Amino acid sequence: MTNRPGEAKDTKLAATPARRSKFSFFSQLVEEMRKVHWPTRQEALRLSLLVIVLCAVIGAILGGLDLGFTRLFADLFLGG
């Protein structure tokens, strides 16, 4: 059987993975953890401070919006 242009080729189903030891997970875990790029102390501190500042800014914005909408609805629906 020949494949025409644009036709998908026949694919075989993926074979089931071979049975492995239950502890091979841990050796693979250690292997992957060695590949991880760990941040330096300075990078971790800088990024942590960035997250804290952004949380404070977004919290202030949402708090301001909440206060504004609370006053708006109180004035509109409760007569001030």
PDB file of N, CA and C in Angstrom:
ATOM      1  N   MET A   1       0.841  -1.170   0.000  1.00  0.00           N
ATOM      2  CA  MET A   1       0.000   0.000   0.000  1.00  0.00           C
ATOM      3  C   MET A   1       0.888   1.237   0.000  1.00  0.00           C
ATOM      4  N   THR A   2       0.646   2.162  -0.888  1.00  0.00           N
ATOM      5  CA  THR A   2       1.444   3.382  -0.970  1.00  0.00           C
ATOM      6  C   THR A   2       0.644   4.534  -0.385  1.00  0.00           C
ATOM      7  N   ASN A   3       1.351   5.446   0.199  1.00  0.00           N
ATOM      8  CA  ASN A   3       0.706   6.623   0.778  1.00  0.00           C
ATOM      9  C   ASN A   3       0.649   7.716  -0.263  1.00  0.00           C
ATOM     10  N   ARG A   4      -0.482   8.334  -0.349  1.00  0.00           N
ATOM     11  CA  ARG A   4      -0.627   9.470  -1.237  1.00  0.00           C
ATOM     12  C   ARG A   4      -0.233  10.726  -0.470  1.00  0.00           C
ATOM     13  N   PRO A   5       0.117  11.772  -1.188  1.00  0.00           N
ATOM     14  CA  PRO A   5       0.445  13.022  -0.487  1.00  0.00           C
ATOM     15  C   PRO A   5      -0.756  13.485   0.337  1.00  0.00           C
ATOM     16  N   GLY A   6      -0.495  13.898   1.570  1.00  0.00           N
ATOM     17  CA  GLY A   6      -1.566  14.374   2.436  1.00  0.00           C
ATOM     18  C   GLY A   6      -2.181  13.271   3.278  1.00  0.00           C
ATOM     19  N   GLU A   7      -1.890  12.011   2.987  1.00  0.00           N
ATOM     20  CA  GLU A   7      -2.444  10.902   3.765  1.00  0.00           C
ATOM     21  C   GLU A   7      -1.513  10.574   4.903  1.00  0.00           C
ATOM     22  N   ALA A   8      -2.080  10.231   6.037  1.00  0.00           N
ATOM     23  CA  ALA A   8      -1.248   9.876   7.192  1.00  0.00           C
ATOM     24  C   ALA A   8      -0.685   8.483   6.992  1.00  0.00           C
ATOM     25  N   LYS A   9       0.542   8.291   7.438  1.00  0.00           N
ATOM     26  CA  LYS A   9       1.147   6.974   7.360  1.00  0.00           C
ATOM     27  C   LYS A   9       0.558   6.101   8.459  1.00  0.00           C
ATOM     28  N   ASP A  10       0.602   4.816   8.262  1.00  0.00           N
ATOM     29  CA  ASP A  10       0.143   3.901   9.292  1.00  0.00           C
ATOM     30  C   ASP A  10       1.078   4.015  10.489  1.00  0.00           C
ATOM     31  N   THR A  11       0.487   4.147  11.654  1.00  0.00           N
ATOM     32  CA  THR A  11       1.306   4.216  12.862  1.00  0.00           C
ATOM     33  C   THR A  11       0.981   3.028  13.737  1.00  0.00           C
ATOM     34  N   LYS A  12       2.001   2.534  14.366  1.00  0.00           N
ATOM     35  CA  LYS A  12       1.804   1.424  15.280  1.00  0.00           C
ATOM     36  C   LYS A  12       1.480   1.980  16.657  1.00  0.00           C
ATOM     37  N   LEU A  13       0.711   1.248  17.423  1.00  0.00           N
ATOM     38  CA  LEU A  13       0.410   1.672  18.771  1.00  0.00           C
ATOM     39  C   LEU A  13       1.670   1.610  19.615  1.00  0.00           C
ATOM     40  N   ALA A  14       1.776   2.535  20.544  1.00  0.00           N
ATOM     41  CA  ALA A  14       2.948   2.559  21.411  1.00  0.00           C
ATOM     42  C   ALA A  14       2.945   1.315  22.286  1.00  0.00           C
ATOM     43  N   ALA A  15       4.088   0.728  22.416  1.00  0.00           N
ATOM     44  CA  ALA A  15       4.196  -0.467  23.252  1.00  0.00           C
ATOM     45  C   ALA A  15       4.048  -0.075  24.712  1.00  0.00           C
ATOM     46  N   THR A  16       3.524  -0.961  25.499  1.00  0.00           N
ATOM     47  CA  THR A  16       3.384  -0.675  26.918  1.00  0.00           C
ATOM     48  C   THR A  16       4.767  -0.639  27.541  1.00  0.00           C
ATOM     49  N   PRO A  17       4.970   0.277  28.487  1.00  0.00           N
ATOM     50  CA  PRO A  17       6.303   0.371  29.086  1.00  0.00           C
ATOM     51  C   PRO A  17       6.647  -0.891  29.866  1.00  0.00           C
ATOM     52  N   ALA A  18       7.913  -1.209  29.852  1.00  0.00           N
ATOM     53  CA  ALA A  18       8.370  -2.406  30.563  1.00  0.00           C
ATOM     54  C   ALA A  18       8.177  -2.194  32.057  1.00  0.00           C
ATOM     55  N   ARG A  19       7.928  -3.249  32.767  1.00  0.00           N
ATOM     56  CA  ARG A  19       7.738  -3.153  34.216  1.00  0.00           C
ATOM     57  C   ARG A  19       9.068  -2.757  34.855  1.00  0.00           C
ATOM     58  N   ARG A  20       8.973  -1.802  35.752  1.00  0.00           N
ATOM     59  CA  ARG A  20      10.176  -1.316  36.405  1.00  0.00           C
ATOM     60  C   ARG A  20      10.018  -1.502  37.906  1.00  0.00           C
ATOM     61  N   SER A  21      11.107  -1.410  38.557  1.00  0.00           N
ATOM     62  CA  SER A  21      11.094  -1.500  40.004  1.00  0.00           C
ATOM     63  C   SER A  21      10.307  -0.319  40.574  1.00  0.00           C
ATOM     64  N   LYS A  22       9.662  -0.537  41.690  1.00  0.00           N
ATOM     65  CA  LYS A  22       8.894   0.545  42.312  1.00  0.00           C
ATOM     66  C   LYS A  22       9.810   1.651  42.797  1.00  0.00           C
ATOM     67  N   PHE A  23      11.072   1.336  43.027  1.00  0.00           N
ATOM     68  CA  PHE A  23      12.007   2.328  43.524  1.00  0.00           C
ATOM     69  C   PHE A  23      12.729   3.075  42.409  1.00  0.00           C
ATOM     70  N   SER A  24      12.504   2.704  41.162  1.00  0.00           N
ATOM     71  CA  SER A  24      13.160   3.418  40.066  1.00  0.00           C
ATOM     72  C   SER A  24      12.630   4.847  39.965  1.00  0.00           C
ATOM     73  N   PHE A  25      11.432   5.075  40.498  1.00  0.00           N
ATOM     74  CA  PHE A  25      10.879   6.430  40.518  1.00  0.00           C
ATOM     75  C   PHE A  25      11.824   7.374  41.253  1.00  0.00           C
ATOM     76  N   PHE A  26      12.338   6.920  42.391  1.00  0.00           N
ATOM     77  CA  PHE A  26      13.192   7.778  43.197  1.00  0.00           C
ATOM     78  C   PHE A  26      14.528   8.068  42.516  1.00  0.00           C
ATOM     79  N   SER A  27      15.063   7.094  41.822  1.00  0.00           N
ATOM     80  CA  SER A  27      16.319   7.350  41.109  1.00  0.00           C
ATOM     81  C   SER A  27      16.072   8.320  39.952  1.00  0.00           C
ATOM     82  N   GLN A  28      14.931   8.197  39.294  1.00  0.00           N
ATOM     83  CA  GLN A  28      14.591   9.142  38.229  1.00  0.00           C
ATOM     84  C   GLN A  28      14.332  10.532  38.801  1.00  0.00           C
ATOM     85  N   LEU A  29      13.731  10.569  39.984  1.00  0.00           N
ATOM     86  CA  LEU A  29      13.481  11.845  40.641  1.00  0.00           C
ATOM     87  C   LEU A  29      14.792  12.563  40.938  1.00  0.00           C
ATOM     88  N   VAL A  30      15.752  11.858  41.494  1.00  0.00           N
ATOM     89  CA  VAL A  30      17.052  12.454  41.794  1.00  0.00           C
ATOM     90  C   VAL A  30      17.727  12.921  40.512  1.00  0.00           C
ATOM     91  N   GLU A  31      17.618  12.125  39.470  1.00  0.00           N
ATOM     92  CA  GLU A  31      18.216  12.481  38.181  1.00  0.00           C
ATOM     93  C   GLU A  31      17.616  13.779  37.639  1.00  0.00           C
ATOM     94  N   GLU A  32      16.307  13.917  37.730  1.00  0.00           N
ATOM     95  CA  GLU A  32      15.644  15.132  37.233  1.00  0.00           C
ATOM     96  C   GLU A  32      15.958  16.333  38.115  1.00  0.00           C
ATOM     97  N   MET A  33      16.046  16.119  39.417  1.00  0.00           N
ATOM     98  CA  MET A  33      16.331  17.232  40.324  1.00  0.00           C
ATOM     99  C   MET A  33      17.728  17.799  40.091  1.00  0.00           C
ATOM    100  N   ARG A  34      18.644  16.981  39.598  1.00  0.00           N
ATOM    101  CA  ARG A  34      19.989  17.482  39.282  1.00  0.00           C
ATOM    102  C   ARG A  34      19.973  18.401  38.056  1.00  0.00           C
ATOM    103  N   LYS A  35      18.957  18.271  37.215  1.00  0.00           N
ATOM    104  CA  LYS A  35      18.857  19.094  36.011  1.00  0.00           C
ATOM    105  C   LYS A  35      18.213  20.453  36.289  1.00  0.00           C
ATOM    106  N   VAL A  36      17.616  20.616  37.455  1.00  0.00           N
ATOM    107  CA  VAL A  36      16.884  21.836  37.784  1.00  0.00           C
ATOM    108  C   VAL A  36      17.850  22.998  37.975  1.00  0.00           C
ATOM    109  N   HIS A  37      17.453  24.166  37.463  1.00  0.00           N
ATOM    110  CA  HIS A  37      18.237  25.379  37.699  1.00  0.00           C
ATOM    111  C   HIS A  37      17.753  25.965  39.019  1.00  0.00           C
ATOM    112  N   TRP A  38      18.584  25.871  40.061  1.00  0.00           N
ATOM    113  CA  TRP A  38      18.230  26.396  41.355  1.00  0.00           C
ATOM    114  C   TRP A  38      18.650  27.859  41.423  1.00  0.00           C
ATOM    115  N   PRO A  39      17.770  28.747  41.889  1.00  0.00           N
ATOM    116  CA  PRO A  39      18.137  30.173  41.962  1.00  0.00           C
ATOM    117  C   PRO A  39      19.156  30.412  43.071  1.00  0.00           C
ATOM    118  N   THR A  40      19.943  31.448  42.876  1.00  0.00           N
ATOM    119  CA  THR A  40      20.879  31.845  43.917  1.00  0.00           C
ATOM    120  C   THR A  40      20.103  32.516  45.043  1.00  0.00           C
ATOM    121  N   ARG A  41      20.769  32.744  46.159  1.00  0.00           N
ATOM    122  CA  ARG A  41      20.107  33.399  47.296  1.00  0.00           C
ATOM    123  C   ARG A  41      19.603  34.791  46.889  1.00  0.00           C
ATOM    124  N   GLN A  42      20.409  35.519  46.120  1.00  0.00           N
ATOM    125  CA  GLN A  42      20.011  36.865  45.679  1.00  0.00           C
ATOM    126  C   GLN A  42      18.796  36.814  44.769  1.00  0.00           C
ATOM    127  N   GLU A  43      18.770  35.859  43.835  1.00  0.00           N
ATOM    128  CA  GLU A  43      17.623  35.723  42.933  1.00  0.00           C
ATOM    129  C   GLU A  43      16.363  35.380  43.718  1.00  0.00           C
ATOM    130  N   ALA A  44      16.481  34.458  44.662  1.00  0.00           N
ATOM    131  CA  ALA A  44      15.322  34.053  45.455  1.00  0.00           C
ATOM    132  C   ALA A  44      14.804  35.221  46.281  1.00  0.00           C
ATOM    133  N   LEU A  45      15.696  35.991  46.889  1.00  0.00           N
ATOM    134  CA  LEU A  45      15.287  37.147  47.684  1.00  0.00           C
ATOM    135  C   LEU A  45      14.612  38.200  46.820  1.00  0.00           C
ATOM    136  N   ARG A  46      15.226  38.492  45.684  1.00  0.00           N
ATOM    137  CA  ARG A  46      14.667  39.512  44.781  1.00  0.00           C
ATOM    138  C   ARG A  46      13.289  39.113  44.268  1.00  0.00           C
ATOM    139  N   LEU A  47      13.139  37.856  43.858  1.00  0.00           N
ATOM    140  CA  LEU A  47      11.850  37.406  43.340  1.00  0.00           C
ATOM    141  C   LEU A  47      10.791  37.325  44.441  1.00  0.00           C
ATOM    142  N   SER A  48      11.204  36.960  45.653  1.00  0.00           N
ATOM    143  CA  SER A  48      10.265  36.924  46.776  1.00  0.00           C
ATOM    144  C   SER A  48       9.762  38.324  47.101  1.00  0.00           C
ATOM    145  N   LEU A  49      10.685  39.293  47.122  1.00  0.00           N
ATOM    146  CA  LEU A  49      10.274  40.676  47.367  1.00  0.00           C
ATOM    147  C   LEU A  49       9.347  41.188  46.267  1.00  0.00           C
ATOM    148  N   LEU A  50       9.612  40.807  45.047  1.00  0.00           N
ATOM    149  CA  LEU A  50       8.750  41.198  43.933  1.00  0.00           C
ATOM    150  C   LEU A  50       7.337  40.666  44.132  1.00  0.00           C
ATOM    151  N   VAL A  51       7.231  39.408  44.548  1.00  0.00           N
ATOM    152  CA  VAL A  51       5.913  38.807  44.781  1.00  0.00           C
ATOM    153  C   VAL A  51       5.194  39.523  45.916  1.00  0.00           C
ATOM    154  N   ILE A  52       5.904  39.835  46.992  1.00  0.00           N
ATOM    155  CA  ILE A  52       5.284  40.526  48.133  1.00  0.00           C
ATOM    156  C   ILE A  52       4.795  41.912  47.727  1.00  0.00           C
ATOM    157  N   VAL A  53       5.612  42.647  46.981  1.00  0.00           N
ATOM    158  CA  VAL A  53       5.219  43.991  46.538  1.00  0.00           C
ATOM    159  C   VAL A  53       4.007  43.919  45.610  1.00  0.00           C
ATOM    160  N   LEU A  54       4.026  42.980  44.663  1.00  0.00           N
ATOM    161  CA  LEU A  54       2.892  42.854  43.749  1.00  0.00           C
ATOM    162  C   LEU A  54       1.610  42.465  44.490  1.00  0.00           C
ATOM    163  N   CYS A  55       1.724  41.592  45.475  1.00  0.00           N
ATOM    164  CA  CYS A  55       0.545  41.223  46.271  1.00  0.00           C
ATOM    165  C   CYS A  55       0.000  42.423  47.026  1.00  0.00           C
ATOM    166  N   ALA A  56       0.891  43.250  47.583  1.00  0.00           N
ATOM    167  CA  ALA A  56       0.456  44.443  48.308  1.00  0.00           C
ATOM    168  C   ALA A  56      -0.228  45.439  47.371  1.00  0.00           C
ATOM    169  N   VAL A  57       0.342  45.633  46.186  1.00  0.00           N
ATOM    170  CA  VAL A  57      -0.240  46.579  45.222  1.00  0.00           C
ATOM    171  C   VAL A  57      -1.608  46.093  44.753  1.00  0.00           C
ATOM    172  N   ILE A  58      -1.701  44.830  44.379  1.00  0.00           N
ATOM    173  CA  ILE A  58      -2.980  44.293  43.907  1.00  0.00           C
ATOM    174  C   ILE A  58      -4.001  44.285  45.041  1.00  0.00           C
ATOM    175  N   GLY A  59      -3.551  43.981  46.275  1.00  0.00           N
ATOM    176  CA  GLY A  59      -4.449  44.025  47.429  1.00  0.00           C
ATOM    177  C   GLY A  59      -4.992  45.422  47.664  1.00  0.00           C
ATOM    178  N   ALA A  60      -4.119  46.428  47.522  1.00  0.00           N
ATOM    179  CA  ALA A  60      -4.562  47.816  47.691  1.00  0.00           C
ATOM    180  C   ALA A  60      -5.560  48.213  46.602  1.00  0.00           C
ATOM    181  N   ILE A  61      -5.303  47.801  45.382  1.00  0.00           N
ATOM    182  CA  ILE A  61      -6.231  48.118  44.285  1.00  0.00           C
ATOM    183  C   ILE A  61      -7.581  47.462  44.524  1.00  0.00           C
ATOM    184  N   LEU A  62      -7.574  46.189  44.877  1.00  0.00           N
ATOM    185  CA  LEU A  62      -8.839  45.490  45.116  1.00  0.00           C
ATOM    186  C   LEU A  62      -9.554  46.039  46.348  1.00  0.00           C
ATOM    187  N   GLY A  63      -8.790  46.396  47.378  1.00  0.00           N
ATOM    188  CA  GLY A  63      -9.399  47.008  48.564  1.00  0.00           C
ATOM    189  C   GLY A  63     -10.045  48.343  48.233  1.00  0.00           C
ATOM    190  N   GLY A  64      -9.358  49.146  47.428  1.00  0.00           N
ATOM    191  CA  GLY A  64      -9.934  50.427  46.998  1.00  0.00           C
ATOM    192  C   GLY A  64     -11.200  50.245  46.173  1.00  0.00           C
ATOM    193  N   LEU A  65     -11.180  49.285  45.261  1.00  0.00           N
ATOM    194  CA  LEU A  65     -12.385  49.011  44.470  1.00  0.00           C
ATOM    195  C   LEU A  65     -13.532  48.527  45.356  1.00  0.00           C
ATOM    196  N   ASP A  66     -13.218  47.665  46.315  1.00  0.00           N
ATOM    197  CA  ASP A  66     -14.242  47.166  47.222  1.00  0.00           C
ATOM    198  C   ASP A  66     -14.841  48.304  48.039  1.00  0.00           C
ATOM    199  N   LEU A  67     -13.999  49.173  48.572  1.00  0.00           N
ATOM    200  CA  LEU A  67     -14.477  50.318  49.349  1.00  0.00           C
ATOM    201  C   LEU A  67     -15.343  51.234  48.483  1.00  0.00           C
ATOM    202  N   GLY A  68     -14.884  51.494  47.259  1.00  0.00           N
ATOM    203  CA  GLY A  68     -15.649  52.350  46.358  1.00  0.00           C
ATOM    204  C   GLY A  68     -17.012  51.764  46.014  1.00  0.00           C
ATOM    205  N   PHE A  69     -17.056  50.470  45.684  1.00  0.00           N
ATOM    206  CA  PHE A  69     -18.333  49.849  45.351  1.00  0.00           C
ATOM    207  C   PHE A  69     -19.248  49.760  46.571  1.00  0.00           C
ATOM    208  N   THR A  70     -18.666  49.552  47.749  1.00  0.00           N
ATOM    209  CA  THR A  70     -19.479  49.498  48.970  1.00  0.00           C
ATOM    210  C   THR A  70     -20.151  50.839  49.212  1.00  0.00           C
ATOM    211  N   ARG A  71     -19.405  51.901  49.084  1.00  0.00           N
ATOM    212  CA  ARG A  71     -19.989  53.248  49.271  1.00  0.00           C
ATOM    213  C   ARG A  71     -21.001  53.550  48.170  1.00  0.00           C
ATOM    214  N   LEU A  72     -20.692  53.176  46.948  1.00  0.00           N
ATOM    215  CA  LEU A  72     -21.611  53.426  45.836  1.00  0.00           C
ATOM    216  C   LEU A  72     -22.939  52.727  46.057  1.00  0.00           C
ATOM    217  N   PHE A  73     -22.911  51.445  46.381  1.00  0.00           N
ATOM    218  CA  PHE A  73     -24.155  50.707  46.586  1.00  0.00           C
ATOM    219  C   PHE A  73     -24.882  51.175  47.831  1.00  0.00           C
ATOM    220  N   ALA A  74     -24.140  51.573  48.866  1.00  0.00           N
ATOM    221  CA  ALA A  74     -24.779  52.092  50.068  1.00  0.00           C
ATOM    222  C   ALA A  74     -25.527  53.393  49.746  1.00  0.00           C
ATOM    223  N   ASP A  75     -24.910  54.253  48.948  1.00  0.00           N
ATOM    224  CA  ASP A  75     -25.559  55.515  48.579  1.00  0.00           C
ATOM    225  C   ASP A  75     -26.748  55.277  47.664  1.00  0.00           C
ATOM    226  N   LEU A  76     -26.630  54.348  46.723  1.00  0.00           N
ATOM    227  CA  LEU A  76     -27.709  54.116  45.760  1.00  0.00           C
ATOM    228  C   LEU A  76     -28.884  53.381  46.363  1.00  0.00           C
ATOM    229  N   PHE A  77     -28.618  52.328  47.122  1.00  0.00           N
ATOM    230  CA  PHE A  77     -29.690  51.444  47.565  1.00  0.00           C
ATOM    231  C   PHE A  77     -30.144  51.721  48.985  1.00  0.00           C
ATOM    232  N   LEU A  78     -29.304  52.302  49.825  1.00  0.00           N
ATOM    233  CA  LEU A  78     -29.672  52.535  51.212  1.00  0.00           C
ATOM    234  C   LEU A  78     -29.932  54.003  51.491  1.00  0.00           C
ATOM    235  N   GLY A  79     -29.758  54.833  50.488  1.00  0.00           N
ATOM    236  CA  GLY A  79     -30.071  56.249  50.620  1.00  0.00           C
ATOM    237  C   GLY A  79     -29.031  57.047  51.397  1.00  0.00           C
ATOM    238  N   GLY A  80     -27.868  56.541  51.478  1.00  0.00           N
ATOM    239  CA  GLY A  80     -26.760  57.273  51.994  1.00  0.00           C
ATOM    240  C   GLY A  80     -26.520  57.215  53.434  1.00  0.00           C
TER     241      GLY A  80
END
